[in-house]
Protein backbone atom coordinates (compact mmCIF):
# COMPACT_ATOMS: atom_id res chain seq x y z
CA MET A 1 -0.04 -0.10 0.00
CA THR A 2 1.41 3.24 -0.84
CA THR A 3 1.56 6.40 1.10
CA LYS A 4 1.20 9.84 -0.39
CA GLU A 5 4.57 11.59 -1.00
CA PRO A 6 5.52 14.47 1.46
CA GLU A 7 4.28 17.87 0.22
CA PHE A 8 7.56 19.50 0.50
CA LEU A 9 8.78 17.72 -2.24
CA ASP A 10 6.41 19.42 -4.68
CA PHE A 11 8.59 22.55 -4.42
CA PHE A 12 11.82 20.56 -5.87
CA LYS A 13 9.98 18.95 -8.87
CA GLU A 14 10.33 21.96 -11.07
CA VAL A 15 14.33 21.86 -10.29
CA PRO A 16 15.71 21.39 -14.12
CA ASP A 17 16.64 17.89 -14.76
CA HIS A 18 19.82 17.89 -16.66
CA ARG A 19 20.13 14.10 -17.48
CA ILE A 20 19.95 12.57 -20.79
CA GLU A 21 16.46 11.18 -21.24
CA ARG A 22 17.39 7.66 -22.30
CA ARG A 23 19.79 7.15 -19.34
CA LYS A 24 17.20 8.13 -16.53
CA LEU A 25 16.66 5.21 -14.59
CA TYR A 26 15.35 7.20 -11.46
CA SER A 27 13.13 10.16 -11.22
CA VAL A 28 14.32 13.52 -9.78
CA GLU A 29 11.88 12.85 -6.81
CA GLU A 30 13.28 9.55 -6.38
CA ILE A 31 16.73 10.64 -6.01
CA LEU A 32 15.90 13.53 -3.85
CA LEU A 33 13.47 11.76 -1.55
CA LEU A 34 16.42 9.03 -0.91
CA SER A 35 18.79 11.73 -0.26
CA PHE A 36 16.64 13.58 2.10
CA CYS A 37 15.50 10.39 4.06
CA ALA A 38 19.17 9.41 4.15
CA VAL A 39 20.57 12.39 5.41
CA ILE A 40 17.75 12.73 7.95
CA SER A 41 18.74 9.40 9.16
CA GLY A 42 22.39 10.17 9.77
CA CYS A 43 24.19 9.45 6.40
CA SER A 44 26.66 11.81 5.14
CA SER A 45 28.48 10.14 2.05
CA TRP A 46 27.43 8.82 -1.40
CA ASP A 47 28.13 5.17 -0.06
CA ASP A 48 26.30 5.75 2.94
CA ILE A 49 23.03 7.01 1.03
CA GLU A 50 23.18 4.04 -1.38
CA LEU A 51 23.43 1.48 1.45
CA TYR A 52 20.64 3.25 3.16
CA GLY A 53 18.31 2.99 -0.06
CA GLN A 54 19.22 -0.73 -0.28
CA THR A 55 18.34 -1.41 3.18
CA LYS A 56 15.33 0.83 3.23
CA LEU A 57 14.01 0.25 -0.41
CA ASP A 58 10.71 -1.06 0.82
CA GLU A 59 9.98 1.77 2.79
CA LEU A 60 10.99 4.21 0.25
CA ARG A 61 8.54 2.36 -2.11
CA LEU A 62 5.73 3.49 0.14
CA TYR A 63 6.15 6.80 -1.33
CA LEU A 64 7.53 6.47 -4.76
CA PRO A 65 7.83 3.30 -7.20
CA TYR A 66 11.72 2.88 -7.45
CA GLU A 67 11.04 0.35 -10.14
CA ASN A 68 14.87 0.26 -10.84
CA GLY A 69 15.79 -0.27 -7.36
CA CYS A 70 18.15 2.11 -5.53
CA PRO A 71 20.46 4.65 -7.25
CA SER A 72 24.14 3.75 -6.78
CA ASP A 73 26.68 5.92 -5.32
CA ASP A 74 27.92 6.85 -8.76
CA THR A 75 24.39 7.85 -9.90
CA LEU A 76 23.97 10.17 -6.79
CA ARG A 77 27.60 11.52 -7.34
CA ARG A 78 26.72 12.43 -11.05
CA PHE A 79 23.40 13.87 -10.21
CA PHE A 80 24.30 16.27 -7.41
CA ARG A 81 27.51 17.36 -9.22
CA THR A 82 25.55 18.63 -12.22
CA LEU A 83 22.35 19.59 -10.52
CA ASP A 84 21.65 23.29 -11.17
CA SER A 85 22.61 24.73 -7.54
CA LYS A 86 20.89 28.04 -8.29
CA ALA A 87 17.73 26.59 -9.15
CA PHE A 88 18.06 24.16 -6.21
CA GLU A 89 18.60 27.02 -3.74
CA ASP A 90 15.87 28.94 -5.27
CA ALA A 91 13.30 25.95 -4.71
CA PHE A 92 14.71 25.85 -1.21
CA ILE A 93 14.00 29.41 -0.45
CA LYS A 94 10.49 29.16 -1.83
CA TRP A 95 9.74 26.03 0.27
CA VAL A 96 10.95 28.00 3.41
CA GLN A 97 8.63 30.99 2.45
CA SER A 98 5.72 28.73 2.27
CA PHE A 99 6.12 28.37 5.99
CA GLN A 100 4.92 32.02 6.24
CA LEU A 101 6.73 32.61 9.36
CA ASN A 102 6.03 35.88 11.12
CA LEU A 103 9.39 37.66 11.12
CA GLU A 104 7.95 40.89 12.83
CA ALA A 105 10.54 42.03 15.45
CA LYS A 106 12.43 38.73 14.86
CA VAL A 107 16.17 38.30 14.33
CA VAL A 108 17.52 37.16 10.83
CA ALA A 109 21.25 36.50 11.52
CA VAL A 110 23.29 36.71 8.20
CA ASP A 111 26.49 34.73 8.63
CA GLY A 112 29.11 32.81 6.77
CA LYS A 113 30.66 29.57 7.39
CA THR A 114 33.50 27.53 5.48
CA SER A 115 33.29 23.92 4.98
CA ARG A 116 36.94 22.99 5.55
CA ARG A 117 37.30 19.82 3.67
CA SER A 118 35.33 20.88 0.64
CA PHE A 119 38.38 22.06 -1.49
CA ASP A 120 39.07 20.16 -4.50
CA GLY A 121 42.82 20.42 -5.86
CA ASP A 122 43.82 24.00 -6.04
CA SER A 123 40.19 25.25 -5.36
CA LYS A 124 39.56 26.89 -1.98
CA PRO A 125 36.87 25.37 0.43
CA MET A 126 33.34 26.42 -0.13
CA HIS A 127 32.15 29.27 1.84
CA MET A 128 28.60 29.71 2.38
CA VAL A 129 26.66 32.79 3.51
CA SER A 130 23.25 31.82 5.16
CA ALA A 131 20.09 33.68 6.62
CA PHE A 132 19.02 32.18 9.90
CA ALA A 133 15.69 33.00 11.65
CA SER A 134 17.22 32.73 15.07
CA GLU A 135 14.01 32.41 17.29
CA PHE A 136 12.61 29.84 14.98
CA GLY A 137 15.90 27.99 14.47
CA VAL A 138 15.14 27.78 10.62
CA VAL A 139 17.66 28.60 7.63
CA LEU A 140 15.64 30.88 5.27
CA GLY A 141 18.26 30.77 2.48
CA GLN A 142 21.83 30.19 1.55
CA LEU A 143 24.26 31.51 -1.20
CA LYS A 144 27.67 30.18 -2.00
CA THR A 145 30.70 32.61 -2.22
CA HIS A 146 34.21 31.80 -3.50
CA GLU A 147 35.89 33.00 -0.42
CA LYS A 148 35.15 34.68 2.87
CA SER A 149 36.16 38.30 1.40
CA ASN A 150 33.16 37.63 -1.05
CA GLU A 151 30.55 38.02 1.85
CA ILE A 152 30.24 41.50 0.76
CA THR A 153 28.80 40.82 -2.70
CA ALA A 154 27.07 37.83 -1.70
CA ILE A 155 24.95 39.29 1.35
CA PRO A 156 23.00 41.79 -0.68
CA GLU A 157 22.29 38.88 -3.21
CA LEU A 158 20.93 36.61 -0.48
CA ILE A 159 19.04 39.47 1.24
CA LYS A 160 17.39 40.31 -2.17
CA LEU A 161 15.99 36.65 -2.50
CA LEU A 162 13.99 36.93 0.97
CA ASP A 163 11.01 38.47 2.48
CA LEU A 164 12.37 40.24 5.49
CA LYS A 165 9.40 42.51 6.22
CA GLY A 166 9.45 43.52 9.81
CA ALA A 167 12.80 41.41 10.66
CA ILE A 168 15.70 42.53 12.42
CA VAL A 169 18.63 41.83 10.13
CA THR A 170 21.99 41.27 12.02
CA ILE A 171 25.17 41.06 10.13
CA ASP A 172 28.73 40.91 11.57
CA ALA A 173 31.66 43.46 10.63
CA MET A 174 32.08 41.86 7.23
CA GLY A 175 28.74 42.74 6.11
CA CYS A 176 28.76 46.31 7.70
CA GLN A 177 28.47 48.08 4.37
CA HIS A 178 26.62 51.36 3.91
CA LYS A 179 25.02 50.01 0.70
CA ILE A 180 23.62 47.10 2.31
CA ALA A 181 21.72 49.14 5.07
CA PRO A 182 19.47 50.95 2.46
CA GLN A 183 18.58 47.62 0.90
CA ILE A 184 17.45 46.08 4.18
CA ILE A 185 15.22 49.18 4.91
CA ASP A 186 13.81 49.29 1.39
CA GLN A 187 12.85 45.56 2.11
CA GLY A 188 10.80 46.63 5.17
CA ALA A 189 13.32 45.48 7.74
CA SER A 190 15.59 46.91 10.48
CA TYR A 191 19.27 46.23 10.89
CA ILE A 192 22.04 45.88 13.46
CA PHE A 193 25.52 45.68 12.29
CA SER A 194 28.78 44.93 14.23
CA LEU A 195 31.63 47.37 13.98
CA LYS A 196 35.24 46.35 13.49
CA GLY A 197 38.41 47.49 11.60
CA ASN A 198 36.92 47.20 8.17
CA GLN A 199 34.73 50.43 9.15
CA SER A 200 37.76 51.86 11.16
CA THR A 201 36.73 55.44 11.19
CA LEU A 202 33.06 54.67 12.13
CA HIS A 203 34.20 52.19 14.69
CA ASP A 204 36.73 54.42 16.21
CA ASP A 205 34.10 57.26 16.54
CA VAL A 206 31.52 55.00 18.32
CA LYS A 207 34.24 53.79 20.52
CA THR A 208 35.48 57.04 21.43
CA PHE A 209 32.12 58.39 22.18
CA PHE A 210 31.28 55.60 24.64
CA GLU A 211 34.75 56.07 26.32
CA THR A 212 34.21 59.82 26.94
CA PRO A 213 30.31 60.25 26.44
CA PRO A 214 29.17 64.15 26.50
CA ARG A 215 27.01 64.77 29.37
CA SER A 216 24.37 66.56 27.04
CA LEU A 217 23.45 63.29 25.23
CA LYS A 218 21.40 60.58 26.98
CA ILE A 219 22.71 57.11 27.18
CA GLU A 220 20.35 54.29 28.25
CA GLU A 221 21.76 51.22 29.99
CA THR A 222 20.59 47.75 30.70
CA GLU A 223 22.39 44.64 31.95
CA GLN A 224 22.16 40.71 32.07
CA ILE A 225 23.85 38.14 34.17
CA ASP A 226 24.02 34.26 33.06
CA LYS A 227 25.22 31.34 35.06
CA ALA A 228 25.37 27.97 33.80
CA HIS A 229 27.96 24.84 33.54
CA GLY A 230 30.56 26.80 35.61
CA ARG A 231 30.52 29.71 33.57
CA PHE A 232 29.36 33.33 34.57
CA GLU A 233 28.97 36.15 32.10
CA HIS A 234 27.73 39.67 32.90
CA ARG A 235 26.73 41.71 29.86
CA LYS A 236 26.30 45.37 30.14
CA CYS A 237 24.65 47.39 27.19
CA ARG A 238 24.82 51.09 26.68
CA VAL A 239 22.79 52.63 23.99
CA CYS A 240 22.63 56.22 22.70
CA LYS A 241 19.91 57.42 20.15
CA GLU A 242 21.00 60.83 19.70
CA VAL A 243 23.42 60.27 16.53
CA GLY A 244 23.00 63.43 14.40
CA TRP A 245 26.63 64.20 15.23
CA LEU A 246 27.62 60.76 13.96
CA LYS A 247 25.64 61.00 10.62
CA GLU A 248 27.10 64.48 9.92
CA GLN A 249 30.56 62.86 9.96
CA HIS A 250 29.50 59.76 7.97
CA GLU A 251 27.07 60.85 5.25
CA ASN A 252 26.64 57.45 3.88
CA TRP A 253 25.02 56.21 7.04
CA SER A 254 21.91 58.35 7.12
CA SER A 255 19.91 55.49 8.35
CA ILE A 256 21.55 55.00 11.89
CA SER A 257 19.18 55.74 14.69
CA SER A 258 21.24 54.27 17.63
CA ILE A 259 24.71 53.14 18.53
CA ILE A 260 25.58 50.42 21.04
CA GLU A 261 28.23 49.38 23.41
CA ILE A 262 28.19 45.79 24.77
CA GLU A 263 30.76 45.02 27.54
CA SER A 264 30.96 41.28 28.27
CA ILE A 265 32.75 40.08 31.52
CA ARG A 266 33.03 36.32 31.56
CA GLU A 267 34.57 34.01 34.41
CA VAL A 268 35.42 30.57 33.39
CA LYS A 269 37.32 28.53 36.00
CA ASN A 270 38.18 31.50 37.87
CA VAL A 271 39.75 33.15 34.88
CA THR A 272 38.07 36.43 34.06
CA SER A 273 37.89 38.14 30.56
CA THR A 274 36.40 41.32 29.44
CA GLU A 275 35.57 42.38 25.86
CA LYS A 276 33.86 45.36 24.29
CA ARG A 277 31.86 45.30 21.13
CA TYR A 278 30.30 48.28 19.23
CA TYR A 279 27.32 48.18 16.83
CA ILE A 280 25.28 50.58 14.73
CA SER A 281 21.41 50.03 14.25
CA SER A 282 18.57 51.70 12.32
CA LEU A 283 16.46 50.75 15.30
CA ASN A 284 15.03 53.47 17.78
CA THR A 285 14.17 51.00 20.54
CA ASP A 286 15.30 50.26 24.14
CA ALA A 287 18.68 48.84 25.38
CA LEU A 288 17.22 45.51 26.37
CA THR A 289 15.59 44.81 22.95
CA LEU A 290 19.00 45.75 21.27
CA LEU A 291 20.89 43.51 23.58
CA LYS A 292 18.57 40.45 23.25
CA SER A 293 18.75 40.87 19.40
CA ILE A 294 22.58 40.94 19.42
CA ARG A 295 22.52 37.66 21.50
CA PHE A 296 20.23 36.06 18.92
CA HIS A 297 22.95 36.80 16.35
CA TRP A 298 25.65 35.17 18.53
CA GLY A 299 23.22 32.02 18.74
CA VAL A 300 23.88 31.54 14.90
CA GLU A 301 27.12 29.81 16.01
CA ASN A 302 25.58 27.21 18.20
CA GLN A 303 22.19 26.78 16.31
CA LEU A 304 23.47 26.66 12.89
CA HIS A 305 27.38 26.47 12.41
CA TRP A 306 27.80 24.10 15.30
CA VAL A 307 25.00 21.96 14.43
CA LEU A 308 26.11 21.73 10.90
CA ASP A 309 29.65 20.50 12.14
CA MET A 310 28.56 18.42 15.14
CA THR A 311 25.38 17.04 13.91
CA PHE A 312 25.75 16.74 10.29
CA GLU A 313 29.53 16.53 10.17
CA ASP A 314 29.86 19.38 7.67
CA ASP A 315 33.43 20.17 8.28
CA GLN A 316 34.49 16.36 7.71
CA SER A 317 32.47 15.92 4.45
CA ARG A 318 34.66 14.91 1.53
CA ILE A 319 31.96 15.82 -1.22
CA ARG A 320 33.80 18.35 -3.25
CA LYS A 321 33.46 18.25 -6.96
CA GLY A 322 31.16 20.19 -9.12
CA ASN A 323 27.83 21.65 -7.75
CA ALA A 324 27.80 18.68 -5.17
CA PRO A 325 29.02 20.61 -2.15
CA VAL A 326 26.40 23.41 -2.58
CA ASN A 327 23.68 21.11 -3.48
CA MET A 328 24.35 18.95 -0.29
CA ALA A 329 24.34 21.93 1.84
CA VAL A 330 21.04 22.53 0.71
CA VAL A 331 19.82 18.90 1.55
CA LYS A 332 21.51 19.40 5.02
CA LYS A 333 19.52 22.63 5.57
CA ILE A 334 16.40 21.26 4.37
CA THR A 335 16.78 18.29 6.79
CA MET A 336 17.85 20.67 9.62
CA ASN A 337 14.45 22.69 8.93
CA LEU A 338 12.21 19.59 8.94
CA LEU A 339 13.69 18.49 12.32
CA ARG A 340 13.19 21.98 13.80
CA ALA A 341 9.64 22.03 12.60
CA LEU A 342 8.96 18.61 14.37
CA LYS A 343 10.58 19.92 17.45
CA GLN A 344 7.81 22.48 17.83
CA LYS A 345 5.69 19.46 18.99
CA PRO A 346 5.47 19.40 22.78
CA GLU A 347 6.47 15.53 22.81
CA HIS A 348 9.60 16.25 20.74
CA LYS A 349 10.86 19.70 22.33
CA ARG A 350 13.27 17.98 24.55
CA LYS A 351 14.81 15.69 21.72
CA SER A 352 18.22 16.75 20.49
CA LEU A 353 18.51 16.82 16.65
CA LYS A 354 21.13 14.04 16.84
CA VAL A 355 18.72 11.82 18.78
CA MET A 356 15.92 12.56 16.27
CA ARG A 357 18.06 11.40 13.25
CA LYS A 358 18.90 8.30 15.10
CA MET A 359 15.13 7.67 15.65
CA ALA A 360 14.29 8.42 12.15
CA GLY A 361 16.73 5.64 10.98
CA TRP A 362 15.28 3.26 13.53
CA ASN A 363 11.48 3.93 12.93
CA PRO A 364 9.91 4.58 9.66
CA VAL A 365 6.86 6.04 11.22
CA PHE A 366 8.87 8.63 13.03
CA LEU A 367 10.83 9.31 9.59
CA ASP A 368 7.34 9.87 8.10
CA GLU A 369 6.48 12.42 10.91
CA ILE A 370 9.43 14.43 10.13
CA LEU A 371 8.99 14.45 6.28
CA ARG A 372 5.56 15.79 6.89
CA ALA A 373 6.44 18.41 9.57
CA LYS A 374 5.39 21.97 8.98
CA PHE A 375 5.77 25.32 10.93
């Protein structure tokens, strides 16, 4: 008895099939469904995916015919190397947009990650810029760059593809560019940008201001204290919204509404460290909201990059030729979004993604629940 295929597959049926007609033994849907199910269940290599398909063929046939059995590792390798990665990424973004997430006042962290072992010969490892809805734990979209320095050009391209109305877009210092700021505002969002050496004059002006603030200008302050796992952290946030003087000195930054200093005092195993960071924002809001938004941006490391490395073994992946690294990055992020969607249910909230992947490999009923998960 067949089971209706998961609805999310519909978004990927229009991805162009680049293969020669007479050599097609498996439909695009069959290859993609196998890959999604295998990656959800913990597979990371072409050999793993083929073995999974051979082992789970009867279960896969509940969704699609697989009349020619399971695709081989060579078939999978060739398919993903030549699959149009731009079309695949576009389909991924359209699928995420179907969630209709309410991003009003929610943080969308834009950040890059390098897959360390994805280099091929003289080519550099793949660097990917992702947009991450921090409060939902959802990847909204991704775009490959040739290297980290190309984030400056990739970020506006990625932002253009997304519906960001009402969101708070947070970007680290690499993306602190005056040309990106108006684009975010034109798309109905706000921004918080980190300041470092690439905007040295702006950074120095903001830093100097907080070191010796004029008495005539109001500064709002708030603080938070966290204690967990032997670690103590005290964060102090200072905000000034009277920034006319700064905009006069930096005409390209007319959208700035507030400047921010965050001082972090950490104590780990009786060793104390102090660090100050500086930010600019188009938001004219209270210090606590700004501090929380910046903390959500820091969370992209734990919720996205760390999960890709520790749960999906991204840094260990040897998939490196053609379009395969980019396409498999999409597969991993689709998988992550499905797992996070299912974690919304109270009965799954306390399960880690790693445990859920194991359960999917053991229990076809649980795998089916993941494949049909929605936000």
